Structure formats: structure tokens, C-alpha cells
Protein backbone atom coordinates (compact mmCIF):
# COMPACT_ATOMS: atom_id res chain seq x y z
CA MET A 1 105.68 66.87 91.28
CA ALA A 2 105.43 68.58 87.95
CA THR A 3 107.76 70.83 86.09
CA ALA A 4 107.63 73.97 83.71
CA THR A 5 110.20 76.47 81.65
CA ILE A 6 109.66 79.95 81.81
CA THR A 7 109.77 81.70 78.43
CA THR A 8 111.96 84.88 77.74
CA LYS A 9 108.59 86.80 78.27
CA GLY A 10 108.42 85.29 81.61
CA GLN A 11 105.52 82.95 80.26
CA THR A 12 104.87 79.28 81.63
CA THR A 13 102.57 76.68 80.83
CA ILE A 14 100.80 74.75 83.80
CA PRO A 15 101.37 71.14 83.42
CA LYS A 16 98.41 69.26 82.47
CA SER A 17 98.34 67.17 85.73
CA VAL A 18 98.53 70.43 87.83
CA ARG A 19 95.60 71.65 85.82
CA GLU A 20 93.65 68.71 86.24
CA ARG A 21 94.42 68.45 90.16
CA LEU A 22 93.33 71.85 90.63
CA HIS A 23 90.71 71.81 88.47
CA LEU A 24 92.03 75.00 86.18
CA LYS A 25 90.48 75.54 82.92
CA PRO A 26 91.07 78.15 80.35
CA GLY A 27 89.91 81.78 81.92
CA ASP A 28 90.72 80.78 85.43
CA ARG A 29 92.94 82.84 87.37
CA ILE A 30 95.45 82.05 89.80
CA GLU A 31 97.64 83.32 92.42
CA PHE A 32 101.32 83.20 93.27
CA VAL A 33 101.81 83.42 97.10
CA VAL A 34 105.51 83.80 98.10
CA GLN A 35 106.46 82.08 101.72
CA GLU A 36 108.62 83.19 104.12
CA ASP A 37 111.21 80.71 103.29
CA GLY A 38 111.33 81.78 99.48
CA THR A 39 109.02 78.98 98.22
CA ALA A 40 105.98 79.52 96.33
CA VAL A 41 102.85 78.43 96.42
CA MET A 42 100.31 78.60 93.45
CA VAL A 43 96.38 78.64 94.33
CA PRO A 44 93.21 79.08 92.34
CA ALA A 45 91.93 82.41 92.42
CA THR A 46 88.67 81.71 90.68
CA LEU A 47 85.97 80.68 92.92
CA THR A 48 82.79 79.17 92.04
CA LEU A 49 79.60 80.66 93.09
CA ASP A 50 79.02 77.88 95.84
CA GLN A 51 82.45 78.47 97.05
CA LEU A 52 81.74 82.32 97.41
CA LYS A 53 78.63 81.78 99.05
CA ALA A 54 80.36 79.77 101.64
CA ALA A 55 83.11 82.33 102.09
CA ILE A 56 80.44 85.01 103.28
CA PRO A 57 79.05 85.02 106.81
CA PRO A 58 74.98 84.89 106.83
CA ALA A 59 73.76 88.26 107.42
CA PRO A 60 72.75 89.22 111.07
CA LYS A 61 69.13 89.10 111.96
CA ALA A 62 67.48 92.58 110.96
CA LEU A 63 66.27 94.10 113.94
CA SER A 64 62.94 96.62 114.06
CA ILE A 65 62.83 100.19 114.37
CA GLU A 66 62.09 99.79 118.12
CA GLN A 67 64.71 97.82 118.73
CA MET A 68 67.39 99.79 116.91
CA ASP A 69 66.08 102.78 119.21
CA GLU A 70 66.48 100.86 122.41
CA ALA A 71 69.86 100.13 121.50
CA ILE A 72 70.64 103.53 120.84
CA ARG A 73 68.81 104.54 124.05
CA ARG A 74 70.75 102.14 126.10
CA HIS A 75 74.05 103.34 124.32
CA ALA A 76 73.41 107.01 125.25
CA VAL A 77 72.64 106.12 128.76
CA ALA A 78 75.87 104.15 129.01
CA ARG A 79 77.83 107.08 127.53
CA ALA A 80 75.91 109.66 129.95
CA GLY A 81 77.02 107.63 132.96
CA GLU A 82 80.59 107.54 131.70
CA ARG A 83 80.43 111.37 131.94
């Protein structure tokens, strides 16, 4: 546990032990998430390139023009059958 004081301008210094634990460095951004019970959680908002890459799902396999045309045809036939 670490404690910090809020200045009259609403600023505070993140204690060194917290910065080290969260791997924060100058220029990094943080987010404050206020929970329903009134507690607040501070989380790093700056992601590394590897973390960002891991958060994005892989792109779907590209379809050929013929496969796209076939999908459109199947969809049109299915919609026509609904009428």
C-alpha cells in the first residue's frame, strides 16, 4: 500500500513503489476507474506495441471475388425465399 497527498491544484505524485510495480515512466498515461462501491482503480493506459498487437484479433482470411459473389448469391436467394 502507498499513500500520496493531493495538492490544492488536484495534483499528486504517484509513489515510486507504485510506478515501479506498474512499470510507469515519464510520459505514460494512466486511467482511473471508479467502481460501483466508490473505490477507484488506477491502471496504465499506455500500451506497448506488443500489448496493443495482442489486443487486436487476427484479420479474417481474405476472400476471392468468386467467393464474395457466391456469398452474395446465397444471401440473395435466401432473402428471396423469405418473401
